[in-house]
Amino acid sequence: MAAADLNTIRAVLESRLATELASAPVVPVVFHNMAFDPPANSSWVQCLTEFGASQYLGQGLTANSQNRVIGLITVNVFSALGVGVGGNYVIAKRIRDLYNRVIVSGVYFDAPIGPEVLAKASPEGFLQTQVRVTFEFIEEL
């Protein structure tokens, strides 16, 4: 077999979030390297997918070699300042429920971390909370 197609894995992760946030109540979502003009008075979500460490699962084997690839999804939830954190927590719960200890298309999701309120939002002018989920998949070589 060939190495895993990281874009296929990324599409699994991101399409799951995009589908959930497209249902009522709809929340705009933006991914890595997308042009986006954030709305000033409504909530929106930014999803950042990163691939990290890999581990050999069968070192020295000439056939049926496998690697475990670990990654991280960071989901930033933004809302207008001055309206409290409740709206962000409602969106964050939807995200947590979406990824919490499930297996989707061979991708294993761990228990989510957060939502955590960040002291300094980026971009400025919003309240920002963050949910992080580690994931892993087995790469067949």
C-alpha atoms as a PDB file:
ATOM      1  CA  MET A   1       0.000   0.000   0.000  1.00  0.00           C
ATOM      2  CA  ALA A   2       1.008   3.611  -0.367  1.00  0.00           C
ATOM      3  CA  ALA A   3       1.476   6.256   2.265  1.00  0.00           C
ATOM      4  CA  ALA A   4      -1.682   7.925   3.554  1.00  0.00           C
ATOM      5  CA  ASP A   5      -3.053  10.837   1.567  1.00  0.00           C
ATOM      6  CA  LEU A   6      -3.043  13.633   4.141  1.00  0.00           C
ATOM      7  CA  ASN A   7      -5.478  15.704   2.087  1.00  0.00           C
ATOM      8  CA  THR A   8      -7.993  12.854   2.251  1.00  0.00           C
ATOM      9  CA  ILE A   9      -7.589  12.677   6.035  1.00  0.00           C
ATOM     10  CA  ARG A  10      -7.895  16.477   6.292  1.00  0.00           C
ATOM     11  CA  ALA A  11     -11.065  16.391   4.170  1.00  0.00           C
ATOM     12  CA  VAL A  12     -12.623  13.825   6.538  1.00  0.00           C
ATOM     13  CA  LEU A  13     -11.914  16.059   9.526  1.00  0.00           C
ATOM     14  CA  GLU A  14     -12.997  19.328   7.946  1.00  0.00           C
ATOM     15  CA  SER A  15     -16.089  18.089   6.105  1.00  0.00           C
ATOM     16  CA  ARG A  16     -17.465  16.707   9.370  1.00  0.00           C
ATOM     17  CA  LEU A  17     -17.227  20.164  10.951  1.00  0.00           C
ATOM     18  CA  ALA A  18     -18.518  22.012   7.882  1.00  0.00           C
ATOM     19  CA  THR A  19     -21.569  19.733   7.679  1.00  0.00           C
ATOM     20  CA  GLU A  20     -22.413  20.184  11.359  1.00  0.00           C
ATOM     21  CA  LEU A  21     -22.067  23.974  11.295  1.00  0.00           C
ATOM     22  CA  ALA A  22     -24.128  24.232   8.087  1.00  0.00           C
ATOM     23  CA  SER A  23     -27.173  22.969  10.008  1.00  0.00           C
ATOM     24  CA  ALA A  24     -29.333  25.293  12.079  1.00  0.00           C
ATOM     25  CA  PRO A  25     -28.195  27.431  13.677  1.00  0.00           C
ATOM     26  CA  VAL A  26     -25.723  28.011  10.847  1.00  0.00           C
ATOM     27  CA  VAL A  27     -22.236  29.155  11.879  1.00  0.00           C
ATOM     28  CA  PRO A  28     -19.701  30.274   9.228  1.00  0.00           C
ATOM     29  CA  VAL A  29     -16.502  28.209   9.274  1.00  0.00           C
ATOM     30  CA  VAL A  30     -13.099  29.009   7.799  1.00  0.00           C
ATOM     31  CA  PHE A  31     -10.151  26.642   7.299  1.00  0.00           C
ATOM     32  CA  HIS A  32      -6.382  27.091   6.782  1.00  0.00           C
ATOM     33  CA  ASN A  33      -5.380  29.471   3.983  1.00  0.00           C
ATOM     34  CA  MET A  34      -8.894  30.668   3.132  1.00  0.00           C
ATOM     35  CA  ALA A  35      -9.742  34.298   2.514  1.00  0.00           C
ATOM     36  CA  PHE A  36     -12.367  35.352   5.043  1.00  0.00           C
ATOM     37  CA  ASP A  37     -13.871  38.617   6.212  1.00  0.00           C
ATOM     38  CA  PRO A  38     -15.226  37.894   9.710  1.00  0.00           C
ATOM     39  CA  PRO A  39     -18.706  39.214  10.505  1.00  0.00           C
ATOM     40  CA  ALA A  40     -18.611  41.931  13.162  1.00  0.00           C
ATOM     41  CA  ASN A  41     -21.714  41.013  15.170  1.00  0.00           C
ATOM     42  CA  SER A  42     -22.153  37.258  14.843  1.00  0.00           C
ATOM     43  CA  SER A  43     -20.301  34.074  15.693  1.00  0.00           C
ATOM     44  CA  TRP A  44     -17.923  32.235  13.391  1.00  0.00           C
ATOM     45  CA  VAL A  45     -15.465  29.344  13.651  1.00  0.00           C
ATOM     46  CA  GLN A  46     -11.881  28.800  12.478  1.00  0.00           C
ATOM     47  CA  CYS A  47     -10.598  25.215  12.106  1.00  0.00           C
ATOM     48  CA  LEU A  48      -6.866  24.500  11.950  1.00  0.00           C
ATOM     49  CA  THR A  49      -5.715  20.947  11.201  1.00  0.00           C
ATOM     50  CA  GLU A  50      -2.117  19.942  11.917  1.00  0.00           C
ATOM     51  CA  PHE A  51      -0.314  16.660  11.410  1.00  0.00           C
ATOM     52  CA  GLY A  52       2.368  15.893  13.961  1.00  0.00           C
ATOM     53  CA  ALA A  53       4.364  12.982  15.284  1.00  0.00           C
ATOM     54  CA  SER A  54       4.502   9.553  13.699  1.00  0.00           C
ATOM     55  CA  GLN A  55       5.515   6.243  15.226  1.00  0.00           C
ATOM     56  CA  TYR A  56       6.618   2.965  13.699  1.00  0.00           C
ATOM     57  CA  LEU A  57       4.204   0.163  14.549  1.00  0.00           C
ATOM     58  CA  GLY A  58       6.262  -2.555  12.889  1.00  0.00           C
ATOM     59  CA  GLN A  59       9.927  -1.620  12.712  1.00  0.00           C
ATOM     60  CA  GLY A  60      12.082  -3.801  10.515  1.00  0.00           C
ATOM     61  CA  LEU A  61       9.244  -5.526   8.704  1.00  0.00           C
ATOM     62  CA  THR A  62       9.578  -5.918   4.951  1.00  0.00           C
ATOM     63  CA  ALA A  63       5.830  -6.165   4.329  1.00  0.00           C
ATOM     64  CA  ASN A  64       2.690  -4.864   6.003  1.00  0.00           C
ATOM     65  CA  SER A  65       4.479  -1.969   7.679  1.00  0.00           C
ATOM     66  CA  GLN A  66       2.385   0.534   9.580  1.00  0.00           C
ATOM     67  CA  ASN A  67       2.871   3.969  11.068  1.00  0.00           C
ATOM     68  CA  ARG A  68       0.656   5.707  13.584  1.00  0.00           C
ATOM     69  CA  VAL A  69       0.225   9.372  12.620  1.00  0.00           C
ATOM     70  CA  ILE A  70      -0.970  11.787  15.288  1.00  0.00           C
ATOM     71  CA  GLY A  71      -2.517  15.180  14.644  1.00  0.00           C
ATOM     72  CA  LEU A  72      -4.407  18.032  16.240  1.00  0.00           C
ATOM     73  CA  ILE A  73      -7.561  19.906  15.309  1.00  0.00           C
ATOM     74  CA  THR A  74      -7.747  23.370  16.858  1.00  0.00           C
ATOM     75  CA  VAL A  75     -11.172  24.966  16.578  1.00  0.00           C
ATOM     76  CA  ASN A  76     -11.425  28.642  17.503  1.00  0.00           C
ATOM     77  CA  VAL A  77     -14.927  29.947  18.203  1.00  0.00           C
ATOM     78  CA  PHE A  78     -15.394  33.709  17.883  1.00  0.00           C
ATOM     79  CA  SER A  79     -18.291  35.952  18.875  1.00  0.00           C
ATOM     80  CA  ALA A  80     -18.941  39.648  19.375  1.00  0.00           C
ATOM     81  CA  LEU A  81     -17.534  41.321  22.474  1.00  0.00           C
ATOM     82  CA  GLY A  82     -19.849  42.297  25.289  1.00  0.00           C
ATOM     83  CA  VAL A  83     -22.465  39.543  24.943  1.00  0.00           C
ATOM     84  CA  GLY A  84     -20.925  36.957  27.269  1.00  0.00           C
ATOM     85  CA  VAL A  85     -19.401  33.549  26.683  1.00  0.00           C
ATOM     86  CA  GLY A  86     -22.629  31.501  26.566  1.00  0.00           C
ATOM     87  CA  GLY A  87     -22.996  31.559  22.782  1.00  0.00           C
ATOM     88  CA  ASN A  88     -19.427  30.335  22.342  1.00  0.00           C
ATOM     89  CA  TYR A  89     -20.041  27.478  24.764  1.00  0.00           C
ATOM     90  CA  VAL A  90     -23.131  26.368  22.826  1.00  0.00           C
ATOM     91  CA  ILE A  91     -21.090  26.209  19.597  1.00  0.00           C
ATOM     92  CA  ALA A  92     -18.180  24.548  21.426  1.00  0.00           C
ATOM     93  CA  LYS A  93     -20.509  21.828  22.734  1.00  0.00           C
ATOM     94  CA  ARG A  94     -21.612  21.059  19.177  1.00  0.00           C
ATOM     95  CA  ILE A  95     -17.938  20.698  18.221  1.00  0.00           C
ATOM     96  CA  ARG A  96     -17.100  18.557  21.258  1.00  0.00           C
ATOM     97  CA  ASP A  97     -20.045  16.244  20.544  1.00  0.00           C
ATOM     98  CA  LEU A  98     -18.933  15.921  16.926  1.00  0.00           C
ATOM     99  CA  TYR A  99     -15.442  14.597  17.706  1.00  0.00           C
ATOM    100  CA  ASN A 100     -15.665  13.209  21.250  1.00  0.00           C
ATOM    101  CA  ARG A 101     -14.059   9.735  21.242  1.00  0.00           C
ATOM    102  CA  VAL A 102     -15.402   8.597  17.878  1.00  0.00           C
ATOM    103  CA  ILE A 103     -13.882   6.790  14.901  1.00  0.00           C
ATOM    104  CA  VAL A 104     -14.686   8.221  11.470  1.00  0.00           C
ATOM    105  CA  SER A 105     -13.259   6.732   8.252  1.00  0.00           C
ATOM    106  CA  GLY A 106     -10.390   5.151  10.169  1.00  0.00           C
ATOM    107  CA  VAL A 107      -9.525   8.341  12.079  1.00  0.00           C
ATOM    108  CA  TYR A 108      -9.609   7.935  15.868  1.00  0.00           C
ATOM    109  CA  PHE A 109     -10.540  11.059  17.845  1.00  0.00           C
ATOM    110  CA  ASP A 110      -9.581  11.511  21.500  1.00  0.00           C
ATOM    111  CA  ALA A 111     -11.614  13.337  24.142  1.00  0.00           C
ATOM    112  CA  PRO A 112     -11.690  17.085  23.372  1.00  0.00           C
ATOM    113  CA  ILE A 113      -9.893  19.712  25.449  1.00  0.00           C
ATOM    114  CA  GLY A 114     -11.853  22.857  26.225  1.00  0.00           C
ATOM    115  CA  PRO A 115     -13.617  25.101  25.516  1.00  0.00           C
ATOM    116  CA  GLU A 116     -11.058  27.467  26.955  1.00  0.00           C
ATOM    117  CA  VAL A 117     -11.528  31.223  26.840  1.00  0.00           C
ATOM    118  CA  LEU A 118      -8.429  32.903  25.409  1.00  0.00           C
ATOM    119  CA  ALA A 119      -7.388  36.156  27.070  1.00  0.00           C
ATOM    120  CA  LYS A 120      -6.281  37.733  23.794  1.00  0.00           C
ATOM    121  CA  ALA A 121      -8.340  36.998  20.714  1.00  0.00           C
ATOM    122  CA  SER A 122      -6.696  36.774  17.333  1.00  0.00           C
ATOM    123  CA  PRO A 123      -8.065  38.573  15.374  1.00  0.00           C
ATOM    124  CA  GLU A 124      -8.773  41.293  17.919  1.00  0.00           C
ATOM    125  CA  GLY A 125     -12.267  42.589  18.512  1.00  0.00           C
ATOM    126  CA  PHE A 126     -13.867  39.220  19.317  1.00  0.00           C
ATOM    127  CA  LEU A 127     -14.354  36.902  22.254  1.00  0.00           C
ATOM    128  CA  GLN A 128     -12.414  33.718  21.446  1.00  0.00           C
ATOM    129  CA  THR A 129     -12.784  30.252  22.923  1.00  0.00           C
ATOM    130  CA  GLN A 130     -10.847  27.218  21.782  1.00  0.00           C
ATOM    131  CA  VAL A 131     -11.535  23.488  21.532  1.00  0.00           C
ATOM    132  CA  ARG A 132      -8.661  21.113  20.709  1.00  0.00           C
ATOM    133  CA  VAL A 133      -8.950  17.473  19.681  1.00  0.00           C
ATOM    134  CA  THR A 134      -6.057  15.113  19.052  1.00  0.00           C
ATOM    135  CA  PHE A 135      -6.576  12.401  16.470  1.00  0.00           C
ATOM    136  CA  GLU A 136      -4.642   9.497  15.033  1.00  0.00           C
ATOM    137  CA  PHE A 137      -4.800   7.139  12.113  1.00  0.00           C
ATOM    138  CA  ILE A 138      -2.836   4.127  10.968  1.00  0.00           C
ATOM    139  CA  GLU A 139      -0.846   4.535   7.782  1.00  0.00           C
ATOM    140  CA  GLU A 140      -0.343   1.312   5.821  1.00  0.00           C
ATOM    141  CA  LEU A 141       2.928   1.160   3.865  1.00  0.00           C
END
